[in-house]
Protein backbone atom coordinates (compact mmCIF):
# COMPACT_ATOMS: atom_id res chain seq x y z
CA MET A 1 14.09 -29.43 -19.82
CA SER A 2 11.95 -27.35 -17.22
CA ILE A 3 13.40 -23.88 -15.77
CA SER A 4 12.71 -22.57 -12.56
CA LEU A 5 12.68 -18.57 -12.11
CA HIS A 6 12.32 -17.13 -8.43
CA GLY A 7 10.93 -13.62 -7.80
CA LEU A 8 8.62 -11.97 -5.30
CA GLY A 9 5.28 -13.84 -5.04
CA VAL A 10 2.59 -11.24 -4.42
CA GLY A 11 -0.80 -13.02 -5.40
CA GLY A 12 -1.68 -15.91 -3.83
CA GLY A 13 -2.26 -19.40 -5.43
CA ILE A 14 -1.05 -21.50 -8.24
CA ALA A 15 -1.92 -21.19 -11.97
CA ILE A 16 -1.01 -23.24 -15.01
CA GLY A 17 -1.26 -22.14 -18.53
CA HIS A 18 0.22 -21.07 -21.65
CA ALA A 19 2.34 -17.79 -21.77
CA HIS A 20 1.09 -14.59 -23.81
CA LEU A 21 4.39 -11.98 -23.61
CA VAL A 22 3.40 -8.50 -24.00
CA SER A 23 6.19 -6.44 -25.81
CA HIS A 24 8.10 -4.48 -24.13
CA THR A 25 10.06 -2.12 -26.64
CA ASP A 26 12.15 1.05 -25.29
CA ILE A 27 11.59 3.87 -27.04
CA GLU A 28 14.77 5.83 -28.30
CA ILE A 29 14.83 9.10 -27.88
CA VAL A 30 17.04 11.26 -30.88
CA HIS A 31 17.83 14.93 -30.08
CA TYR A 32 17.47 17.62 -32.70
CA VAL A 33 17.81 21.33 -32.89
CA ILE A 34 14.15 23.11 -33.77
CA PRO A 35 14.37 26.44 -35.75
CA ALA A 36 13.45 29.50 -34.36
CA ASP A 37 10.49 29.94 -36.76
CA GLY A 38 9.45 26.22 -35.89
CA ILE A 39 8.95 26.38 -31.94
CA ALA A 40 5.72 27.29 -31.68
CA ALA A 41 4.64 24.30 -33.77
CA GLU A 42 6.45 21.85 -31.73
CA LEU A 43 4.86 23.75 -28.47
CA GLN A 44 1.55 22.84 -30.05
CA ARG A 45 2.88 19.16 -30.99
CA PHE A 46 3.72 18.87 -27.32
CA ASP A 47 0.61 20.31 -25.94
CA GLU A 48 -1.65 18.12 -28.25
CA ALA A 49 0.56 14.78 -27.03
CA ILE A 50 -0.52 15.78 -23.44
CA ARG A 51 -4.20 16.34 -24.24
CA ASN A 52 -4.34 12.96 -26.28
CA THR A 53 -2.51 11.43 -23.38
CA ARG A 54 -4.96 12.65 -20.84
CA LYS A 55 -8.07 11.73 -23.22
CA GLU A 56 -6.87 8.30 -23.15
CA LEU A 57 -6.05 7.93 -19.60
CA GLU A 58 -9.51 9.39 -18.38
CA MET A 59 -11.23 7.23 -21.07
CA LEU A 60 -9.49 4.50 -19.17
CA TRP A 61 -10.53 5.72 -15.76
CA GLY A 62 -14.01 6.08 -16.74
CA SER A 63 -14.17 2.18 -18.11
CA ILE A 64 -13.02 0.52 -15.13
CA PRO A 65 -15.08 -2.20 -14.49
CA ASP A 66 -17.41 -2.57 -11.44
CA ASN A 67 -15.72 -5.50 -10.07
CA ALA A 68 -12.22 -3.84 -10.02
CA PRO A 69 -10.35 -3.44 -7.13
CA ALA A 70 -10.39 0.46 -5.54
CA GLU A 71 -6.68 0.27 -6.08
CA LEU A 72 -6.85 0.43 -9.83
CA GLY A 73 -8.71 3.59 -10.12
CA ALA A 74 -6.33 5.38 -7.46
CA PHE A 75 -3.39 4.57 -9.22
CA LEU A 76 -5.12 5.38 -12.84
CA SER A 77 -5.87 8.63 -10.73
CA LEU A 78 -2.35 9.04 -9.96
CA HIS A 79 -1.24 8.73 -13.44
CA ILE A 80 -3.65 11.91 -14.45
CA MET A 81 -2.57 13.86 -11.56
CA LEU A 82 1.04 13.12 -12.53
CA LEU A 83 0.55 14.28 -16.19
CA ASN A 84 -1.34 17.32 -15.05
CA ASP A 85 1.52 18.42 -13.14
CA HIS A 86 3.40 21.01 -14.11
CA THR A 87 6.35 18.87 -14.16
CA LEU A 88 5.52 17.08 -16.94
CA SER A 89 2.95 19.03 -18.72
CA LYS A 90 4.63 22.72 -18.51
CA GLU A 91 8.23 22.33 -17.74
CA PRO A 92 8.90 20.62 -20.68
CA ARG A 93 7.69 23.53 -22.91
CA HIS A 94 10.44 26.04 -21.16
CA ILE A 95 13.04 23.06 -22.41
CA ILE A 96 11.64 23.58 -25.73
CA GLU A 97 11.67 27.37 -25.90
CA THR A 98 15.01 27.91 -24.18
CA GLU A 99 16.77 25.00 -25.70
CA ARG A 100 15.19 24.96 -29.02
CA CYS A 101 15.15 21.36 -28.90
CA ASN A 102 12.35 18.74 -29.99
CA ALA A 103 9.48 17.70 -27.37
CA GLU A 104 10.79 14.15 -26.99
CA TRP A 105 14.54 15.47 -25.73
CA ALA A 106 12.53 17.95 -23.41
CA VAL A 107 10.36 15.33 -22.21
CA LYS A 108 13.19 13.15 -21.86
CA GLN A 109 15.58 15.54 -20.08
CA GLN A 110 12.78 16.43 -17.51
CA LEU A 111 12.02 12.72 -16.91
CA ASP A 112 15.88 12.20 -16.07
CA VAL A 113 15.38 15.13 -13.41
CA LEU A 114 12.36 13.46 -11.81
CA LEU A 115 14.26 9.97 -11.69
CA ALA A 116 17.24 11.74 -9.96
CA GLN A 117 14.77 12.97 -7.45
CA PHE A 118 13.41 9.51 -7.00
CA ASP A 119 16.64 7.53 -6.59
CA GLU A 120 17.40 9.86 -3.33
CA ILE A 121 14.29 8.43 -1.55
CA GLU A 122 14.83 5.68 1.08
CA GLU A 123 10.94 5.14 1.86
CA GLU A 124 9.90 2.48 -0.44
CA TYR A 125 6.32 3.28 -0.76
CA LEU A 126 7.08 6.52 -2.18
CA ARG A 127 10.29 5.13 -3.99
CA GLU A 128 8.20 2.97 -6.30
CA ARG A 129 6.38 5.69 -7.52
CA ARG A 130 9.25 6.39 -10.14
CA THR A 131 7.74 3.65 -11.84
CA ASP A 132 4.44 6.01 -12.70
CA VAL A 133 6.26 8.60 -13.61
CA ILE A 134 8.42 6.38 -16.33
CA GLN A 135 4.95 5.20 -17.38
CA VAL A 136 3.31 8.10 -17.72
CA THR A 137 6.46 9.21 -19.78
CA GLU A 138 6.36 6.54 -21.97
CA ARG A 139 2.71 7.33 -22.83
CA ILE A 140 3.68 10.94 -23.73
CA PHE A 141 6.32 9.55 -26.10
CA LYS A 142 4.18 7.19 -28.03
CA ALA A 143 1.72 9.79 -28.19
CA LEU A 144 4.35 11.91 -29.60
CA ALA A 145 5.20 9.47 -32.18
CA GLY A 146 1.50 9.06 -33.16
CA HIS A 147 1.48 5.48 -31.64
CA GLN A 148 -2.04 4.21 -30.17
CA HIS A 149 -2.73 2.52 -27.03
CA GLY A 150 -5.20 -0.70 -27.26
CA PRO A 151 -6.32 -3.68 -25.77
CA HIS A 152 -4.95 -5.80 -28.54
CA ALA A 153 -1.56 -6.27 -26.92
CA LEU A 154 -3.15 -7.71 -24.08
CA HIS A 155 -5.80 -9.89 -25.94
CA CYS A 156 -5.63 -13.59 -24.92
CA GLY A 157 -7.11 -16.51 -27.39
CA GLY A 158 -7.35 -18.99 -25.00
CA ASP A 159 -9.00 -19.64 -21.49
CA ASP A 160 -5.57 -20.45 -19.78
CA CYS A 161 -3.32 -17.59 -20.77
CA ILE A 162 -0.48 -15.88 -18.28
CA LEU A 163 0.61 -12.63 -19.29
CA VAL A 164 4.28 -12.11 -19.22
CA ALA A 165 5.58 -8.83 -19.30
CA HIS A 166 8.39 -6.38 -18.71
CA ASP A 167 5.90 -4.58 -16.06
CA LEU A 168 2.40 -3.49 -16.09
CA SER A 169 0.80 -0.18 -15.68
CA PRO A 170 -2.72 0.91 -14.23
CA ALA A 171 -3.54 1.34 -17.65
CA ASP A 172 -2.99 -2.06 -18.94
CA MET A 173 -4.36 -3.59 -15.56
CA VAL A 174 -7.59 -1.94 -16.68
CA LEU A 175 -7.86 -3.79 -19.86
CA PHE A 176 -6.28 -6.67 -18.22
CA LYS A 177 -9.04 -6.75 -15.65
CA ASP A 178 -11.70 -7.36 -18.90
CA THR A 179 -9.57 -10.74 -19.83
CA ASN A 180 -9.31 -14.25 -19.13
CA TYR A 181 -5.70 -14.29 -17.69
CA ARG A 182 -5.03 -17.09 -14.77
CA ALA A 183 -1.89 -14.85 -13.77
CA PHE A 184 0.65 -12.61 -14.44
CA ILE A 185 4.35 -12.09 -14.26
CA THR A 186 6.61 -9.22 -14.54
CA ASP A 187 10.55 -8.50 -14.89
CA VAL A 188 10.41 -5.84 -12.32
CA GLY A 189 8.17 -4.57 -9.41
CA GLY A 190 8.67 -4.38 -6.07
CA LEU A 191 6.28 -5.14 -2.77
CA THR A 192 4.53 -1.84 -2.73
CA SER A 193 4.38 -1.08 -6.50
CA HIS A 194 1.31 -0.63 -8.24
CA THR A 195 1.58 -3.90 -9.56
CA ALA A 196 2.10 -5.75 -6.37
CA ILE A 197 -0.87 -3.61 -4.69
CA LEU A 198 -3.27 -4.31 -7.41
CA ALA A 199 -2.17 -8.19 -7.51
CA ARG A 200 -2.59 -8.44 -3.98
CA SER A 201 -6.23 -6.53 -4.36
CA LEU A 202 -7.09 -9.25 -7.36
CA ASP A 203 -6.05 -12.25 -5.18
CA LEU A 204 -4.33 -13.69 -8.31
CA PRO A 205 -1.24 -15.87 -8.76
CA SER A 206 1.48 -13.53 -9.69
CA VAL A 207 5.08 -13.45 -9.32
CA LEU A 208 7.23 -9.87 -9.71
CA ALA A 209 10.83 -9.02 -9.91
CA LEU A 210 11.63 -12.02 -12.32
CA ARG A 211 14.46 -9.91 -14.11
CA THR A 212 14.83 -12.43 -17.45
CA ALA A 213 11.11 -13.88 -17.58
CA HIS A 214 10.12 -11.87 -20.68
CA GLN A 215 13.52 -13.01 -22.66
CA ILE A 216 13.38 -16.79 -21.36
CA ILE A 217 9.81 -17.58 -21.98
CA ARG A 218 8.62 -18.26 -25.68
CA GLU A 219 5.14 -17.45 -26.36
CA GLN A 220 2.51 -20.19 -25.58
CA GLU A 221 5.16 -21.96 -23.70
CA LEU A 222 3.29 -24.00 -20.64
CA ILE A 223 4.46 -22.30 -17.26
CA ILE A 224 3.57 -23.02 -13.73
CA VAL A 225 3.09 -19.68 -11.51
CA ASP A 226 3.49 -20.35 -7.91
CA GLY A 227 2.13 -17.38 -6.08
CA ILE A 228 2.85 -18.47 -2.72
CA LYS A 229 6.55 -19.35 -2.91
CA GLY A 230 7.39 -16.53 -5.57
CA CYS A 231 8.53 -19.30 -8.29
CA VAL A 232 7.79 -19.54 -12.08
CA ILE A 233 8.43 -23.26 -13.76
CA ILE A 234 9.12 -23.01 -17.76
CA ASP A 235 8.20 -25.99 -19.45
CA PRO A 236 7.54 -28.13 -16.05
CA ASP A 237 7.95 -32.33 -16.65
CA ASP A 238 5.06 -34.71 -15.89
CA LYS A 239 5.94 -35.31 -12.50
CA THR A 240 6.25 -31.43 -11.52
CA LEU A 241 2.73 -30.74 -13.41
CA ALA A 242 1.05 -33.36 -11.64
CA GLU A 243 2.22 -31.93 -8.37
CA TYR A 244 1.34 -28.72 -9.11
CA GLN A 245 -1.99 -29.77 -10.11
CA PHE A 246 -2.44 -31.52 -7.02
CA ARG A 247 -1.40 -28.29 -4.76
CA GLN A 248 -3.53 -26.00 -7.00
CA ALA A 249 -6.61 -28.15 -6.41
CA GLU A 250 -5.77 -27.96 -2.54
CA TRP A 251 -5.35 -24.37 -2.87
CA LEU A 252 -8.86 -23.94 -4.64
CA ILE A 253 -10.03 -25.92 -1.72
CA LYS A 254 -8.84 -23.71 0.89
CA GLN A 255 -10.06 -20.62 -0.80
CA GLN A 256 -13.65 -22.02 -0.80
CA GLN A 257 -13.28 -23.04 3.06
CA LEU A 258 -12.12 -19.18 3.58
CA GLN A 259 -15.27 -17.93 1.48
CA ASP A 260 -17.19 -20.43 4.02
CA ILE A 261 -16.26 -18.54 7.28
CA ARG A 262 -16.59 -15.17 5.79
CA THR A 263 -20.08 -14.29 7.71
CA LYS A 264 -18.97 -16.22 10.81
CA PRO A 265 -18.12 -14.37 14.10
CA ALA A 266 -14.51 -13.59 14.54
CA VAL A 267 -14.39 -15.79 17.75
CA THR A 268 -11.47 -18.39 19.06
CA TYR A 269 -12.59 -21.90 19.45
CA ASP A 270 -12.58 -21.39 23.22
CA GLY A 271 -15.02 -18.54 22.94
CA THR A 272 -12.81 -15.05 23.12
CA GLU A 273 -13.86 -12.50 20.63
CA VAL A 274 -11.57 -10.96 18.49
CA ASP A 275 -11.90 -7.58 16.42
CA LEU A 276 -10.62 -7.63 12.84
CA SER A 277 -10.97 -4.36 10.88
CA ALA A 278 -9.36 -3.33 7.44
CA ASN A 279 -6.46 -0.98 6.63
CA ILE A 280 -7.57 1.43 3.82
CA GLU A 281 -5.86 4.06 1.66
CA LEU A 282 -9.42 5.24 -0.06
CA PRO A 283 -12.99 5.46 0.72
CA GLU A 284 -13.45 3.10 -2.30
CA ASP A 285 -11.80 0.45 -0.37
CA CYS A 286 -14.26 0.21 1.97
CA GLU A 287 -16.68 -1.93 -0.13
CA LEU A 288 -14.01 -4.91 -0.06
CA ALA A 289 -13.57 -4.45 3.58
CA LEU A 290 -17.49 -4.93 3.88
CA GLU A 291 -17.18 -7.88 1.68
CA ASN A 292 -14.92 -9.48 3.88
CA ASN A 293 -16.80 -8.74 7.11
CA ALA A 294 -14.71 -6.22 8.46
CA SER A 295 -15.83 -4.72 11.90
CA GLY A 296 -14.54 -1.46 11.00
CA VAL A 297 -11.48 0.57 9.74
CA GLY A 298 -8.67 0.41 11.70
CA LEU A 299 -6.33 2.22 9.36
CA PHE A 300 -7.36 5.17 6.86
CA ARG A 301 -4.05 6.14 5.43
CA SER A 302 -5.01 9.93 4.79
CA GLU A 303 -1.53 10.63 3.33
CA PHE A 304 -2.81 9.41 -0.31
CA LEU A 305 -4.80 12.74 -0.54
CA PHE A 306 -1.60 14.64 -0.22
CA LEU A 307 0.52 13.37 -2.83
CA LYS A 308 -0.07 15.95 -4.79
CA GLU A 309 3.00 17.79 -6.15
CA ASP A 310 1.86 21.48 -6.18
CA ASP A 311 -0.80 21.88 -3.85
CA LEU A 312 -2.64 20.56 -0.92
CA PRO A 313 -5.89 19.06 -0.54
CA THR A 314 -8.57 21.48 0.13
CA GLU A 315 -10.82 21.51 3.39
CA GLU A 316 -13.65 20.73 1.04
CA GLU A 317 -11.50 17.83 -0.94
CA GLN A 318 -10.92 16.28 2.33
CA PHE A 319 -14.15 16.30 4.09
CA VAL A 320 -15.67 14.80 0.87
CA ALA A 321 -13.13 11.88 1.34
CA TYR A 322 -13.46 11.30 5.29
CA LYS A 323 -17.21 11.44 4.84
CA ALA A 324 -17.30 8.79 2.15
CA ALA A 325 -15.40 6.63 4.17
CA ALA A 326 -17.58 7.03 7.26
CA GLU A 327 -20.89 6.59 5.65
CA ALA A 328 -19.72 3.31 3.67
CA MET A 329 -18.78 2.05 6.57
CA ALA A 330 -22.52 2.74 7.98
CA GLY A 331 -21.58 3.07 11.61
CA LYS A 332 -18.74 0.82 11.76
CA PRO A 333 -15.60 2.67 13.36
CA VAL A 334 -12.97 4.59 10.94
CA VAL A 335 -9.99 5.35 12.16
CA ILE A 336 -8.24 7.97 10.23
CA ARG A 337 -4.66 8.55 10.86
CA THR A 338 -3.33 12.10 10.09
CA ILE A 339 -1.23 12.70 6.97
CA ASP A 340 2.16 10.76 7.52
CA LEU A 341 4.92 11.82 5.00
CA GLY A 342 8.51 13.36 5.42
CA LYS A 343 10.52 10.34 6.22
CA ASP A 344 12.34 10.72 3.12
CA LYS A 345 10.59 12.70 0.87
CA ILE A 346 9.70 16.41 1.63
CA PRO A 347 6.79 17.30 -0.60
CA SER A 348 6.86 20.10 -2.84
CA TRP A 349 4.84 22.08 -1.23
CA GLN A 350 7.12 22.64 1.53
CA ALA A 351 10.08 24.24 1.69
CA GLU A 352 12.92 22.47 0.58
CA ARG A 353 15.61 21.03 3.34
CA GLU A 354 18.33 18.69 3.45
CA ALA A 355 18.12 16.21 6.49
CA PRO A 356 20.98 14.42 7.26
CA ASN A 357 19.26 11.37 8.56
CA PRO A 358 15.66 11.74 7.04
CA ALA A 359 14.16 8.72 9.01
CA LEU A 360 14.61 10.48 12.07
CA GLY A 361 13.79 13.72 11.06
CA LEU A 362 10.68 15.63 10.24
CA THR A 363 8.06 13.11 9.59
CA GLY A 364 4.44 11.98 10.83
CA ILE A 365 3.02 14.31 13.69
CA ARG A 366 6.57 16.15 13.94
CA LEU A 367 5.55 17.13 10.48
CA CYS A 368 1.88 18.08 10.96
CA LEU A 369 2.78 20.21 14.14
CA ALA A 370 5.43 21.99 11.82
CA GLU A 371 2.97 22.99 9.57
CA PRO A 372 -0.15 23.85 11.76
CA GLN A 373 -2.13 25.45 8.80
CA MET A 374 -1.99 21.88 6.90
CA PHE A 375 -2.78 20.14 10.06
CA ARG A 376 -5.40 22.25 11.27
CA THR A 377 -7.00 22.21 7.77
CA GLN A 378 -7.09 18.15 7.83
CA LEU A 379 -8.64 18.24 11.31
CA ARG A 380 -11.46 20.71 10.63
CA ALA A 381 -12.18 18.29 7.42
CA LEU A 382 -12.21 15.24 9.76
CA LEU A 383 -14.39 16.93 12.72
CA ARG A 384 -16.94 17.92 10.26
CA ALA A 385 -16.70 14.15 8.53
CA SER A 386 -17.32 12.87 12.00
CA ALA A 387 -21.00 13.96 11.89
CA PHE A 388 -21.51 11.61 9.36
CA GLY A 389 -20.16 8.22 11.19
CA LYS A 390 -18.25 7.07 13.80
CA ILE A 391 -14.78 8.49 12.75
CA LYS A 392 -11.54 8.08 15.20
CA LEU A 393 -8.48 10.08 14.65
CA LEU A 394 -4.98 8.49 15.07
CA ILE A 395 -1.61 10.19 15.69
CA PRO A 396 1.10 8.85 13.68
CA MET A 397 5.03 8.58 14.89
CA LEU A 398 4.46 9.66 18.58
CA SER A 399 7.75 10.15 20.53
CA ALA A 400 6.74 12.91 22.74
CA LEU A 401 3.80 13.66 25.28
CA SER A 402 4.04 17.06 23.82
CA GLU A 403 3.01 16.00 20.60
CA ALA A 404 -0.17 14.20 21.89
CA LYS A 405 -1.06 17.67 24.18
CA GLN A 406 -0.49 20.03 21.24
CA THR A 407 -2.69 18.10 18.69
CA ARG A 408 -5.54 17.82 21.78
CA GLN A 409 -5.41 21.56 21.80
CA HIS A 410 -5.76 22.11 18.11
CA ILE A 411 -8.54 20.03 18.12
CA GLU A 412 -9.94 21.70 21.01
CA ASP A 413 -9.67 25.12 19.10
CA ILE A 414 -11.16 23.93 16.05
CA LYS A 415 -14.09 22.42 17.98
CA GLN A 416 -14.91 25.62 19.32
CA GLN A 417 -14.64 27.33 15.76
CA LEU A 418 -17.12 24.87 14.51
CA ARG A 419 -19.66 25.55 17.20
CA GLU A 420 -19.40 29.27 16.60
CA GLU A 421 -19.87 28.39 12.74
CA GLY A 422 -22.94 26.14 13.66
CA ILE A 423 -21.23 23.26 11.87
CA ALA A 424 -22.00 19.90 13.31
CA PHE A 425 -19.45 17.21 14.60
CA ASP A 426 -18.59 14.49 17.19
CA GLU A 427 -18.04 16.15 20.27
CA HIS A 428 -16.78 13.05 21.83
CA ILE A 429 -14.75 12.04 19.09
CA GLU A 430 -11.87 9.67 20.07
CA LEU A 431 -7.95 10.42 19.78
CA GLY A 432 -5.55 7.62 19.87
CA GLY A 433 -1.76 7.15 19.22
CA MET A 434 0.50 5.31 16.64
CA ILE A 435 3.13 3.18 18.78
CA GLU A 436 5.87 2.85 16.14
CA VAL A 437 8.68 4.18 18.20
CA PRO A 438 10.54 2.81 21.21
CA ALA A 439 10.64 5.85 23.32
CA ALA A 440 6.74 5.91 23.18
CA ALA A 441 6.39 1.80 23.41
CA MET A 442 8.25 2.15 26.57
CA ALA A 443 6.61 4.95 28.26
CA VAL A 444 3.06 3.74 26.44
CA GLY A 445 1.55 4.12 30.16
CA VAL A 446 2.26 7.62 30.18
CA PHE A 447 0.88 8.14 26.68
CA LEU A 448 -2.63 6.34 27.37
CA GLN A 449 -3.45 9.14 29.97
CA HIS A 450 -3.83 11.20 27.56
CA LEU A 451 -5.33 9.30 24.61
CA ASP A 452 -8.26 7.20 23.93
CA PHE A 453 -6.54 4.40 22.29
CA ILE A 454 -3.36 3.14 20.87
CA SER A 455 -2.52 1.44 17.37
CA ILE A 456 0.66 -0.45 17.19
CA GLY A 457 2.65 0.26 13.78
CA THR A 458 5.08 -2.83 13.69
CA ASN A 459 6.34 -2.03 10.59
CA ASP A 460 8.22 0.80 12.07
CA LEU A 461 8.68 -0.20 15.33
CA ILE A 462 10.31 -3.28 14.55
CA GLN A 463 12.52 -1.56 12.29
CA TYR A 464 13.43 1.27 14.81
CA SER A 465 14.23 -0.99 17.25
CA LEU A 466 16.23 -3.17 15.75
CA ALA A 467 17.95 -0.42 13.76
CA VAL A 468 17.45 -2.41 10.55
CA ASP A 469 16.53 -0.72 7.26
CA ARG A 470 14.32 -3.87 5.80
CA ASN A 471 14.40 -2.32 2.42
CA ASP A 472 18.18 -2.18 2.47
CA ASP A 473 19.35 -5.86 0.73
CA SER A 474 22.47 -5.87 2.69
CA VAL A 475 20.71 -5.98 5.97
CA SER A 476 17.28 -6.64 5.46
CA HIS A 477 17.38 -10.34 6.62
CA LEU A 478 17.97 -8.80 9.95
CA TYR A 479 14.56 -6.86 10.21
CA ASP A 480 12.90 -10.08 12.18
CA PRO A 481 9.29 -9.94 13.87
CA LEU A 482 10.26 -12.91 16.24
CA ASN A 483 13.56 -10.95 17.69
CA PRO A 484 13.16 -11.54 21.40
CA GLY A 485 13.30 -7.75 21.98
CA VAL A 486 10.54 -7.14 19.58
CA LEU A 487 8.33 -9.85 21.30
CA GLN A 488 9.00 -8.31 24.68
CA LEU A 489 8.09 -4.78 23.55
CA LEU A 490 4.96 -5.99 22.24
CA LYS A 491 3.95 -7.57 25.32
CA HIS A 492 4.91 -4.50 27.49
CA ILE A 493 2.36 -2.36 25.30
CA ILE A 494 -0.42 -4.64 25.15
CA SER A 495 -0.06 -5.90 29.01
CA THR A 496 0.34 -1.78 29.80
CA ALA A 497 -2.91 -0.97 28.06
CA ASP A 498 -5.01 -3.73 29.33
CA LYS A 499 -4.15 -2.76 32.59
CA LEU A 500 -5.06 1.08 32.15
CA GLY A 501 -8.36 -0.65 30.37
CA LYS A 502 -7.63 1.26 27.14
CA PRO A 503 -8.03 -0.45 23.62
CA VAL A 504 -4.80 -1.42 21.79
CA SER A 505 -4.78 -2.50 18.34
CA MET A 506 -2.46 -3.51 15.76
CA CYS A 507 -2.15 -2.13 12.12
CA GLY A 508 1.22 -3.29 10.96
CA GLU A 509 1.97 -6.11 8.67
CA MET A 510 2.52 -8.37 11.60
CA ALA A 511 -1.37 -8.13 11.86
CA GLY A 512 -2.10 -9.55 8.61
CA ASP A 513 0.19 -12.52 8.71
CA PRO A 514 -1.67 -15.39 9.57
CA SER A 515 1.56 -17.47 10.77
CA LEU A 516 1.59 -14.58 13.46
CA THR A 517 -2.14 -14.70 14.34
CA ARG A 518 -1.56 -16.94 17.02
CA LEU A 519 1.21 -15.60 18.70
CA LEU A 520 -0.46 -12.07 18.88
CA LEU A 521 -3.81 -13.74 20.61
CA GLY A 522 -1.08 -15.31 23.08
CA LEU A 523 0.59 -12.04 23.84
CA GLY A 524 -3.20 -10.41 24.17
CA LEU A 525 -3.73 -8.50 21.47
CA ARG A 526 -7.49 -8.57 20.53
CA ARG A 527 -7.52 -5.96 18.11
CA PHE A 528 -6.15 -6.73 14.67
CA SER A 529 -6.27 -4.08 11.48
CA MET A 530 -4.85 -5.48 7.88
CA LEU A 531 -5.28 -5.35 4.04
CA PRO A 532 -9.18 -6.55 3.59
CA ILE A 533 -7.44 -9.27 1.42
CA GLN A 534 -5.96 -10.80 4.21
CA LEU A 535 -9.05 -10.61 6.89
CA LEU A 536 -10.37 -14.06 6.08
CA LYS A 537 -6.84 -15.85 6.40
CA VAL A 538 -6.24 -14.29 9.69
CA LYS A 539 -9.74 -15.23 10.91
CA GLN A 540 -9.65 -18.87 10.01
CA GLN A 541 -6.52 -19.07 12.35
CA LEU A 542 -8.06 -17.56 15.22
CA LEU A 543 -11.18 -19.56 14.67
CA GLY A 544 -9.18 -22.88 15.53
CA ALA A 545 -7.30 -21.18 18.05
CA GLU A 546 -7.47 -22.31 21.80
CA LEU A 547 -6.05 -19.49 24.34
CA GLY A 548 -5.63 -22.26 27.12
CA ARG A 549 -3.09 -24.26 24.58
CA ILE A 550 -1.59 -21.00 23.41
CA LYS A 551 -0.64 -18.88 26.31
CA PRO A 552 1.63 -21.54 27.71
CA ILE A 553 3.62 -21.69 24.30
CA VAL A 554 3.87 -17.95 24.08
CA SER A 555 5.21 -17.50 27.49
CA LYS A 556 7.97 -19.90 26.68
CA MET A 557 8.56 -17.84 23.52
CA LEU A 558 8.82 -14.78 25.60
CA LYS A 559 11.62 -16.62 27.71
CA ALA A 560 13.34 -18.08 24.76
CA ASP A 561 16.65 -16.19 23.41
CA ASP A 562 17.61 -17.56 20.35
CA GLU A 563 16.08 -17.61 16.98
CA ASP A 564 15.86 -21.56 16.71
CA THR A 565 13.77 -22.34 19.60
CA LEU A 566 11.33 -19.33 18.56
CA ARG A 567 11.13 -20.77 15.11
CA GLN A 568 10.12 -24.43 16.79
CA LEU A 569 7.81 -22.95 19.20
CA LEU A 570 6.02 -20.72 16.48
CA GLN A 571 5.64 -23.77 14.56
CA GLN A 572 3.99 -25.76 17.60
CA LEU A 573 1.91 -23.02 17.89
CA ASN A 574 0.26 -22.97 14.50
CA SER A 575 0.02 -26.78 14.37
């Protein structure tokens, strides 16, 4: 009898194959007292485990296949960074010395402290990093126990294997990349977990957060993975199997059709040009953006460079990263957003403070202006890198005109410094602002008088407009891009920018959702920025779009006041 499990579908397509289970055994940590004359030896044992773990991760990082997604190296680098941080590599030594306990117990105590801190974080992406901390400490535990990590656990004997795991670490994914798995499923994982990000980058059928899949599925059992609907079917009957084999063939044909349009210009059926850019987190992501024929980088999230626990990246470190992205894009524009942290996690390099409502506190440009030394260091690196490509600057979370003016003044001050030092930079570098706060959206015309362009961050704009935390299960169903108020706000932003002759783009998730492409075109949007993997899917929608037919339907949507009517009109728009 077949069984259906439902989770989060994060990788496109459908896979049919036989399950290969990767064991997941929690390591039981026991506590025992170390005699005074044994402390030195226990510290040495701990240090040796850290060294071995670091060596292992660095070896894996060095063996990443050339065709692996850039995110894979980024997450492995994050694991190495976490391991090198004093909270894992030094603090347990202090616990061993003061409490005279074994190394495993010291690491566990420190892990409990770190996880408690992560549990207080509200922002989904940062909260998901608790999984990275757990995976790094698991490797330390295994090193202390003398266990060796190797590829044997992921080895698959057949050519139709589907990996079934409780979770997958970035180190596992390095080994996974060299195997012949058709898909993978896990018990845990969120939409912003590293597993989800890598699944989207690999564009493999994958379903996460299945909870009990690893317990229910048997080794070599036939399963179907529907990455589109987030469904896993165990031991399907003949009728279900035939149906999914047909769906799988259809999906493969659609994927081939996407590749066929890769080099086609992004132009609507009736001749309107559209700009399709990529969102990236690291310079290495530029390769995938170019593979999908992106017209540039519409959003470079620079905050990844700032996720170190103890220190800020130096000006030189930032300069190298920004310069690499500019050169990789070979003259195509690269929009780099200044550091955007602080909503619900105050980095350790900043003085600790408790905010009653972090999402409305010191975040985005507010944090940058509150930390001028950090901000000016980043601006210097950005301006220096602008001599090597077409870099544009983007201010996050604008809510007051004074923030744009202060940023402009910082830039002018640093330009003068660089002139005096004889350092080249782009004298005419453009400055834009993220429109993701309702107040900025309503007063967008005022902001555009002091900015060269704007970019709509729909994730936060919708969240703040509807007062809905999309990560809160109790209200997340209310997070709706088709809310009439949201559509009116988007229309106002785009129309105002057009009237003033200023470029407006969108870099939130709406921009990368193919089901909303024609709606956004009808609202007047002509510049989209999204994950590289979404570029061709969005292009496919716009190639068949006729603005003459779209605009009247979108006009009706703007006048609609109920959800059912909006859904029906959207379906008509995409038919």
